[in-house]
Amino acid sequence: MVWQDRGPDPMTDPAAPAVLEAFDAAQAAHLPPVTCYRAGIEAWRRAHPDQGPKYAIRKAVDVILTAKVHLRIPDDA
């Protein structure tokens, strides 16, 4: 199945490594999840200061979820 409403892969953006590094550092410091996501968002905003806050949040979270969340479908489905 192909998702038609998805834009380009957020992982190809040059800011993606900085977003993931900030997120991972916050997780390693055992900070709350919201703080980890905010760290990633702040990294994105530093790389893209011209983008609006809502757009930047969406893009940074896309990067984090693309890298960190893997959905599994059970074999018996």
C-alpha atoms as a PDB file:
ATOM      1  CA  MET A   1       0.000   0.000   0.000  1.00  0.00           C
ATOM      2  CA  VAL A   2       1.273   3.481  -0.873  1.00  0.00           C
ATOM      3  CA  TRP A   3       0.375   6.513   1.204  1.00  0.00           C
ATOM      4  CA  GLN A   4      -0.672   9.301  -1.131  1.00  0.00           C
ATOM      5  CA  ASP A   5      -0.949  12.063   1.484  1.00  0.00           C
ATOM      6  CA  ARG A   6       2.650  11.809   2.692  1.00  0.00           C
ATOM      7  CA  GLY A   7       5.250  14.313   1.608  1.00  0.00           C
ATOM      8  CA  PRO A   8       8.908  13.570   1.041  1.00  0.00           C
ATOM      9  CA  ASP A   9      10.739  11.384   3.543  1.00  0.00           C
ATOM     10  CA  PRO A  10      11.587  13.639   6.506  1.00  0.00           C
ATOM     11  CA  MET A  11      14.751  11.640   7.114  1.00  0.00           C
ATOM     12  CA  THR A  12      16.302  13.154   3.969  1.00  0.00           C
ATOM     13  CA  ASP A  13      16.283  16.637   5.479  1.00  0.00           C
ATOM     14  CA  PRO A  14      19.726  17.846   6.596  1.00  0.00           C
ATOM     15  CA  ALA A  15      18.270  18.668  10.045  1.00  0.00           C
ATOM     16  CA  ALA A  16      17.237  15.048  10.717  1.00  0.00           C
ATOM     17  CA  PRO A  17      20.517  13.943  12.349  1.00  0.00           C
ATOM     18  CA  ALA A  18      20.472  16.920  14.730  1.00  0.00           C
ATOM     19  CA  VAL A  19      16.837  16.246  15.629  1.00  0.00           C
ATOM     20  CA  LEU A  20      17.575  12.612  16.442  1.00  0.00           C
ATOM     21  CA  GLU A  21      20.744  13.468  18.342  1.00  0.00           C
ATOM     22  CA  ALA A  22      18.869  15.959  20.533  1.00  0.00           C
ATOM     23  CA  PHE A  23      16.011  13.509  21.099  1.00  0.00           C
ATOM     24  CA  ASP A  24      18.406  10.662  21.964  1.00  0.00           C
ATOM     25  CA  ALA A  25      20.432  12.852  24.336  1.00  0.00           C
ATOM     26  CA  ALA A  26      17.275  13.846  26.193  1.00  0.00           C
ATOM     27  CA  GLN A  27      16.189  10.209  26.419  1.00  0.00           C
ATOM     28  CA  ALA A  28      19.640   9.193  27.682  1.00  0.00           C
ATOM     29  CA  ALA A  29      19.274  11.824  30.404  1.00  0.00           C
ATOM     30  CA  HIS A  30      16.002  10.094  31.416  1.00  0.00           C
ATOM     31  CA  LEU A  31      13.962  13.223  30.739  1.00  0.00           C
ATOM     32  CA  PRO A  32      10.184  12.994  30.284  1.00  0.00           C
ATOM     33  CA  PRO A  33       9.007  12.146  26.751  1.00  0.00           C
ATOM     34  CA  VAL A  34       7.604  15.634  26.171  1.00  0.00           C
ATOM     35  CA  THR A  35      11.027  17.118  26.932  1.00  0.00           C
ATOM     36  CA  CYS A  36      12.677  14.671  24.522  1.00  0.00           C
ATOM     37  CA  TYR A  37      10.337  15.711  21.714  1.00  0.00           C
ATOM     38  CA  ARG A  38      10.865  19.382  22.533  1.00  0.00           C
ATOM     39  CA  ALA A  39      14.623  18.894  22.262  1.00  0.00           C
ATOM     40  CA  GLY A  40      14.155  17.471  18.774  1.00  0.00           C
ATOM     41  CA  ILE A  41      11.813  20.296  17.810  1.00  0.00           C
ATOM     42  CA  GLU A  42      14.287  22.910  19.033  1.00  0.00           C
ATOM     43  CA  ALA A  43      17.012  21.285  16.922  1.00  0.00           C
ATOM     44  CA  TRP A  44      14.745  21.478  13.873  1.00  0.00           C
ATOM     45  CA  ARG A  45      13.920  25.132  14.576  1.00  0.00           C
ATOM     46  CA  ARG A  46      17.624  25.988  14.827  1.00  0.00           C
ATOM     47  CA  ALA A  47      18.188  24.413  11.419  1.00  0.00           C
ATOM     48  CA  HIS A  48      15.058  26.006   9.898  1.00  0.00           C
ATOM     49  CA  PRO A  49      14.460  29.362  11.638  1.00  0.00           C
ATOM     50  CA  ASP A  50      12.337  30.539   8.701  1.00  0.00           C
ATOM     51  CA  GLN A  51       9.638  27.895   9.243  1.00  0.00           C
ATOM     52  CA  GLY A  52       6.516  28.500  11.279  1.00  0.00           C
ATOM     53  CA  PRO A  53       6.245  26.791  14.672  1.00  0.00           C
ATOM     54  CA  LYS A  54       3.411  24.394  13.752  1.00  0.00           C
ATOM     55  CA  TYR A  55       5.129  23.263  10.562  1.00  0.00           C
ATOM     56  CA  ALA A  56       8.464  22.838  12.353  1.00  0.00           C
ATOM     57  CA  ILE A  57       6.832  20.771  15.101  1.00  0.00           C
ATOM     58  CA  ARG A  58       5.173  18.498  12.552  1.00  0.00           C
ATOM     59  CA  LYS A  59       8.403  17.979  10.605  1.00  0.00           C
ATOM     60  CA  ALA A  60      10.542  17.300  13.703  1.00  0.00           C
ATOM     61  CA  VAL A  61       8.018  14.824  15.085  1.00  0.00           C
ATOM     62  CA  ASP A  62       7.855  13.153  11.655  1.00  0.00           C
ATOM     63  CA  VAL A  63      11.619  12.641  11.796  1.00  0.00           C
ATOM     64  CA  ILE A  64      11.480  11.196  15.318  1.00  0.00           C
ATOM     65  CA  LEU A  65       8.558   8.877  14.595  1.00  0.00           C
ATOM     66  CA  THR A  66      10.035   7.704  11.301  1.00  0.00           C
ATOM     67  CA  ALA A  67      13.273   6.772  13.043  1.00  0.00           C
ATOM     68  CA  LYS A  68      11.898   5.419  16.306  1.00  0.00           C
ATOM     69  CA  VAL A  69       8.480   3.840  15.693  1.00  0.00           C
ATOM     70  CA  HIS A  70       8.178   0.531  13.916  1.00  0.00           C
ATOM     71  CA  LEU A  71       4.761  -1.029  13.507  1.00  0.00           C
ATOM     72  CA  ARG A  72       4.524  -4.783  13.510  1.00  0.00           C
ATOM     73  CA  ILE A  73       1.639  -6.713  12.048  1.00  0.00           C
ATOM     74  CA  PRO A  74       1.106 -10.082  13.723  1.00  0.00           C
ATOM     75  CA  ASP A  75       1.565 -13.108  11.480  1.00  0.00           C
ATOM     76  CA  ASP A  76      -1.907 -14.372  12.323  1.00  0.00           C
ATOM     77  CA  ALA A  77      -3.658 -11.210  11.082  1.00  0.00           C
END
